[in-house]
């Protein structure tokens, strides 16, 4: 018998677009700002793993082929409705631990709002590395346990979640926050080298959303993304990693 894949967060039948994203215009906008900084506007073959309903698919219009992969078939049906009849888009049901994709086939892979659902991030990194060509780009986002809000909450005794250790923290079933060093080490061990980091959603707090219009928050966040990246104190971190020039 084959090995069993780690558990996956079940989004089958869930109205992810209508229930989760309806009040998150700021988060959607700043993530798009970050991706435009890391993702070339055009290229060859791209795969988004955990693409859900295709929220970010319009950013990939300059690519020759785009694979939107997700374990939830209902999410991919919604993505197909959003993308229309564009023949460059391919919809694949699968999970990150066992990608039904050819080795060395892709120029770009993305995982946005995916890692925080994974119990075995190193295994996912290894599988993503497998499907990428030499010198390919891997753009990822992860939820940062060492963000400024969590540090203050811990120091003030309002949270028992220790933000400084490298171990992931599971704050809800199949919902994880990660320390930057844990992610960095996992990428290196899987054969990636890092090129760039961005600190994203630094103004996510309700206080800022009530104080300033969303357009202002997005403009400020866009400036903070690179300027504060080395501190890695934002709740969301985007990374650009690369595969080596030659496959080992």
Protein backbone atom coordinates (compact mmCIF):
# COMPACT_ATOMS: atom_id res chain seq x y z
CA UNK A 1 0.00 0.00 0.00
CA UNK A 2 1.19 3.52 -0.76
CA UNK A 3 1.92 6.14 1.81
CA UNK A 4 -0.96 8.32 2.96
CA UNK A 5 -0.66 12.04 2.26
CA UNK A 6 -0.86 14.42 5.22
CA UNK A 7 -4.34 15.84 5.92
CA UNK A 8 -5.63 18.72 3.82
CA UNK A 9 -7.92 21.59 4.74
CA UNK A 10 -11.27 20.88 3.06
CA UNK A 11 -12.61 23.77 0.98
CA UNK A 12 -14.94 21.59 -1.10
CA UNK A 13 -18.29 23.35 -1.42
CA UNK A 14 -17.15 26.36 0.63
CA UNK A 15 -17.98 29.83 -0.72
CA UNK A 16 -14.41 31.00 -0.23
CA UNK A 17 -14.89 34.04 -2.43
CA UNK A 18 -18.18 35.19 -0.94
CA UNK A 19 -17.61 34.39 2.73
CA UNK A 20 -13.90 35.02 3.25
CA UNK A 21 -12.84 37.64 0.70
CA UNK A 22 -15.91 39.87 0.69
CA UNK A 23 -14.49 42.20 3.40
CA UNK A 24 -10.79 41.86 2.62
CA UNK A 25 -10.20 44.38 -0.16
CA UNK A 26 -7.05 45.67 1.54
CA UNK A 27 -5.49 42.22 1.87
CA UNK A 28 -6.31 41.31 -1.71
CA UNK A 29 -4.87 44.56 -3.04
CA UNK A 30 -1.58 44.44 -1.12
CA UNK A 31 -1.01 40.81 -2.06
CA UNK A 32 -1.42 41.80 -5.69
CA UNK A 33 1.08 44.61 -5.19
CA UNK A 34 3.58 42.12 -3.79
CA UNK A 35 3.05 39.61 -6.57
CA UNK A 36 3.57 42.24 -9.25
CA UNK A 37 6.95 42.98 -7.67
CA UNK A 38 8.00 39.32 -7.68
CA UNK A 39 6.30 37.86 -10.75
CA UNK A 40 7.41 38.76 -14.28
CA UNK A 41 4.42 39.98 -16.31
CA UNK A 42 4.92 37.31 -18.96
CA UNK A 43 6.58 33.95 -19.31
CA UNK A 44 6.23 30.31 -20.25
CA UNK A 45 4.52 27.78 -18.01
CA UNK A 46 3.15 28.74 -14.58
CA UNK A 47 1.36 26.74 -11.90
CA UNK A 48 -0.52 28.13 -8.92
CA UNK A 49 -0.89 25.45 -6.25
CA UNK A 50 -3.92 26.00 -4.06
CA UNK A 51 -5.44 28.38 -6.60
CA UNK A 52 -8.96 28.01 -5.16
CA UNK A 53 -11.48 30.06 -7.17
CA UNK A 54 -8.80 31.75 -9.27
CA UNK A 55 -8.60 35.00 -7.31
CA UNK A 56 -5.18 35.84 -8.73
CA UNK A 57 -5.58 34.34 -12.21
CA UNK A 58 -5.76 37.72 -13.95
CA UNK A 59 -2.12 38.31 -12.96
CA UNK A 60 -1.06 35.38 -15.15
CA UNK A 61 -2.50 36.57 -18.45
CA UNK A 62 0.98 37.09 -19.92
CA UNK A 63 1.91 33.39 -19.56
CA UNK A 64 1.75 30.83 -22.34
CA UNK A 65 0.19 28.17 -20.14
CA UNK A 66 -1.30 28.45 -16.65
CA UNK A 67 -2.18 25.48 -14.46
CA UNK A 68 -4.56 26.23 -11.60
CA UNK A 69 -4.33 23.35 -9.13
CA UNK A 70 -6.47 22.78 -6.05
CA UNK A 71 -7.73 19.76 -4.08
CA UNK A 72 -11.30 21.13 -4.14
CA UNK A 73 -13.07 20.51 -7.43
CA UNK A 74 -15.79 23.04 -6.59
CA UNK A 75 -13.18 25.80 -6.26
CA UNK A 76 -11.75 24.97 -9.68
CA UNK A 77 -15.20 25.06 -11.27
CA UNK A 78 -15.57 28.60 -9.90
CA UNK A 79 -12.10 29.45 -11.27
CA UNK A 80 -13.11 28.17 -14.69
CA UNK A 81 -16.24 30.33 -14.66
CA UNK A 82 -14.11 33.36 -13.77
CA UNK A 83 -11.47 32.73 -16.43
CA UNK A 84 -13.89 31.91 -19.22
CA UNK A 85 -12.82 30.01 -22.31
CA UNK A 86 -9.15 31.03 -22.28
CA UNK A 87 -7.41 27.94 -23.65
CA UNK A 88 -4.15 28.75 -21.86
CA UNK A 89 -5.71 27.86 -18.51
CA UNK A 90 -5.71 24.25 -17.34
CA UNK A 91 -7.56 23.13 -14.18
CA UNK A 92 -6.12 20.23 -12.19
CA UNK A 93 -7.46 18.57 -9.04
CA UNK A 94 -4.54 17.57 -6.83
CA UNK A 95 -2.66 18.32 -3.63
CA UNK A 96 0.72 19.81 -2.96
CA UNK A 97 2.17 16.64 -1.43
CA UNK A 98 1.56 14.57 -4.57
CA UNK A 99 1.44 16.91 -7.52
CA UNK A 100 0.09 15.18 -10.65
CA UNK A 101 2.57 17.17 -12.74
CA UNK A 102 5.63 16.31 -14.81
CA UNK A 103 9.08 16.74 -13.27
CA UNK A 104 10.90 19.89 -14.40
CA UNK A 105 7.95 21.23 -16.38
CA UNK A 106 7.34 24.72 -14.95
CA UNK A 107 9.04 28.10 -15.05
CA UNK A 108 7.06 29.53 -12.12
CA UNK A 109 5.19 28.04 -9.16
CA UNK A 110 3.15 29.96 -6.59
CA UNK A 111 1.61 29.15 -3.23
CA UNK A 112 -0.36 32.03 -1.71
CA UNK A 113 -2.37 31.41 1.48
CA UNK A 114 -1.52 27.72 1.21
CA UNK A 115 1.39 26.95 3.54
CA UNK A 116 -0.62 27.91 6.63
CA UNK A 117 -2.78 24.82 6.02
CA UNK A 118 0.12 22.36 5.73
CA UNK A 119 1.34 19.97 8.41
CA UNK A 120 4.47 19.04 6.43
CA UNK A 121 5.92 22.10 4.73
CA UNK A 122 9.32 20.49 3.90
CA UNK A 123 7.55 17.72 1.97
CA UNK A 124 5.58 20.33 0.03
CA UNK A 125 8.75 22.28 -0.78
CA UNK A 126 10.44 19.12 -2.08
CA UNK A 127 7.50 18.31 -4.33
CA UNK A 128 7.31 21.86 -5.68
CA UNK A 129 11.04 21.80 -6.37
CA UNK A 130 10.56 18.58 -8.35
CA UNK A 131 8.19 20.13 -10.89
CA UNK A 132 10.31 23.23 -11.52
CA UNK A 133 12.92 23.75 -14.21
CA UNK A 134 16.46 24.96 -13.49
CA UNK A 135 16.51 28.65 -12.49
CA UNK A 136 12.73 28.63 -12.09
CA UNK A 137 10.90 30.94 -9.70
CA UNK A 138 8.97 29.83 -6.66
CA UNK A 139 6.86 32.61 -5.14
CA UNK A 140 5.38 31.79 -1.76
CA UNK A 141 3.50 33.44 1.06
CA UNK A 142 3.40 32.32 4.65
CA UNK A 143 1.74 33.46 7.88
CA UNK A 144 4.45 34.84 10.14
CA UNK A 145 4.26 33.81 13.81
CA UNK A 146 6.86 36.46 14.72
CA UNK A 147 4.71 39.37 13.64
CA UNK A 148 4.63 42.58 15.64
CA UNK A 149 1.12 42.09 17.01
CA UNK A 150 1.87 38.59 18.32
CA UNK A 151 5.14 39.75 19.89
CA UNK A 152 3.34 42.49 21.86
CA UNK A 153 0.51 40.15 22.85
CA UNK A 154 3.01 37.61 24.17
CA UNK A 155 5.14 40.15 26.04
CA UNK A 156 2.02 41.66 27.64
CA UNK A 157 0.81 38.25 28.77
CA UNK A 158 -2.22 38.26 26.48
CA UNK A 159 -1.13 35.23 24.47
CA UNK A 160 0.53 31.93 25.34
CA UNK A 161 1.79 31.45 21.78
CA UNK A 162 5.54 32.01 21.96
CA UNK A 163 6.55 33.92 18.78
CA UNK A 164 10.33 33.49 18.91
CA UNK A 165 10.88 29.73 18.63
CA UNK A 166 11.39 28.18 15.21
CA UNK A 167 8.61 25.62 15.65
CA UNK A 168 5.33 26.17 13.76
CA UNK A 169 2.29 26.98 15.87
CA UNK A 170 -1.12 25.46 15.11
CA UNK A 171 -3.60 28.05 16.37
CA UNK A 172 -6.61 26.18 14.93
CA UNK A 173 -6.99 22.78 13.25
CA UNK A 174 -4.87 22.81 10.06
CA UNK A 175 -4.06 26.52 10.48
CA UNK A 176 -0.38 27.22 11.12
CA UNK A 177 1.85 30.24 11.63
CA UNK A 178 5.55 29.87 10.87
CA UNK A 179 8.78 31.43 12.07
CA UNK A 180 10.86 32.93 9.23
CA UNK A 181 13.85 30.74 10.07
CA UNK A 182 11.72 27.59 9.73
CA UNK A 183 10.62 28.57 6.23
CA UNK A 184 14.09 29.73 5.18
CA UNK A 185 15.70 26.49 6.32
CA UNK A 186 13.05 24.38 4.62
CA UNK A 187 13.62 26.15 1.32
CA UNK A 188 17.39 25.70 1.49
CA UNK A 189 17.12 22.02 2.34
CA UNK A 190 14.80 21.52 -0.64
CA UNK A 191 17.29 23.07 -3.05
CA UNK A 192 15.99 26.63 -3.32
CA UNK A 193 17.94 29.81 -2.81
CA UNK A 194 16.17 33.00 -1.79
CA UNK A 195 16.31 36.18 -3.84
CA UNK A 196 13.82 38.57 -2.31
CA UNK A 197 11.43 39.01 0.60
CA UNK A 198 8.49 41.37 1.10
CA UNK A 199 6.59 42.22 4.28
CA UNK A 200 2.87 42.36 3.46
CA UNK A 201 -0.35 43.35 5.24
CA UNK A 202 1.44 45.37 7.91
CA UNK A 203 -1.68 47.52 8.38
CA UNK A 204 -4.15 44.65 8.74
CA UNK A 205 -5.36 45.74 12.19
CA UNK A 206 -8.95 46.93 12.43
CA UNK A 207 -7.71 50.18 13.96
CA UNK A 208 -5.95 51.15 10.72
CA UNK A 209 -8.89 50.05 8.58
CA UNK A 210 -11.23 52.28 10.57
CA UNK A 211 -8.80 55.19 10.53
CA UNK A 212 -7.83 55.34 6.84
CA UNK A 213 -9.48 54.50 3.52
CA UNK A 214 -8.36 51.28 1.88
CA UNK A 215 -6.60 53.10 -0.96
CA UNK A 216 -4.36 54.90 1.54
CA UNK A 217 -3.58 51.68 3.39
CA UNK A 218 -2.60 49.97 0.15
CA UNK A 219 -0.32 52.84 -0.87
CA UNK A 220 1.43 52.84 2.52
CA UNK A 221 1.74 49.06 2.57
CA UNK A 222 3.28 49.11 -0.91
CA UNK A 223 6.07 51.34 0.40
CA UNK A 224 6.58 49.28 3.55
CA UNK A 225 6.83 45.94 1.78
CA UNK A 226 10.45 46.29 0.73
CA UNK A 227 11.55 48.79 3.36
CA UNK A 228 10.59 46.56 6.30
CA UNK A 229 11.19 43.16 4.70
CA UNK A 230 14.43 42.45 6.57
CA UNK A 231 12.64 42.89 9.92
CA UNK A 232 10.07 40.21 9.04
CA UNK A 233 7.53 41.59 11.51
CA UNK A 234 4.53 41.69 9.17
CA UNK A 235 1.78 39.08 9.51
CA UNK A 236 2.33 37.91 5.94
CA UNK A 237 5.70 37.35 4.27
CA UNK A 238 6.16 36.88 0.53
CA UNK A 239 9.35 35.27 -0.77
CA UNK A 240 10.90 34.78 -4.17
CA UNK A 241 13.06 31.67 -4.29
CA UNK A 242 14.89 30.06 -7.21
CA UNK A 243 15.98 26.61 -8.23
CA UNK A 244 19.62 26.02 -9.14
CA UNK A 245 21.01 26.47 -12.65
CA UNK A 246 21.22 22.71 -13.08
CA UNK A 247 19.14 19.95 -11.57
CA UNK A 248 21.04 17.71 -9.19
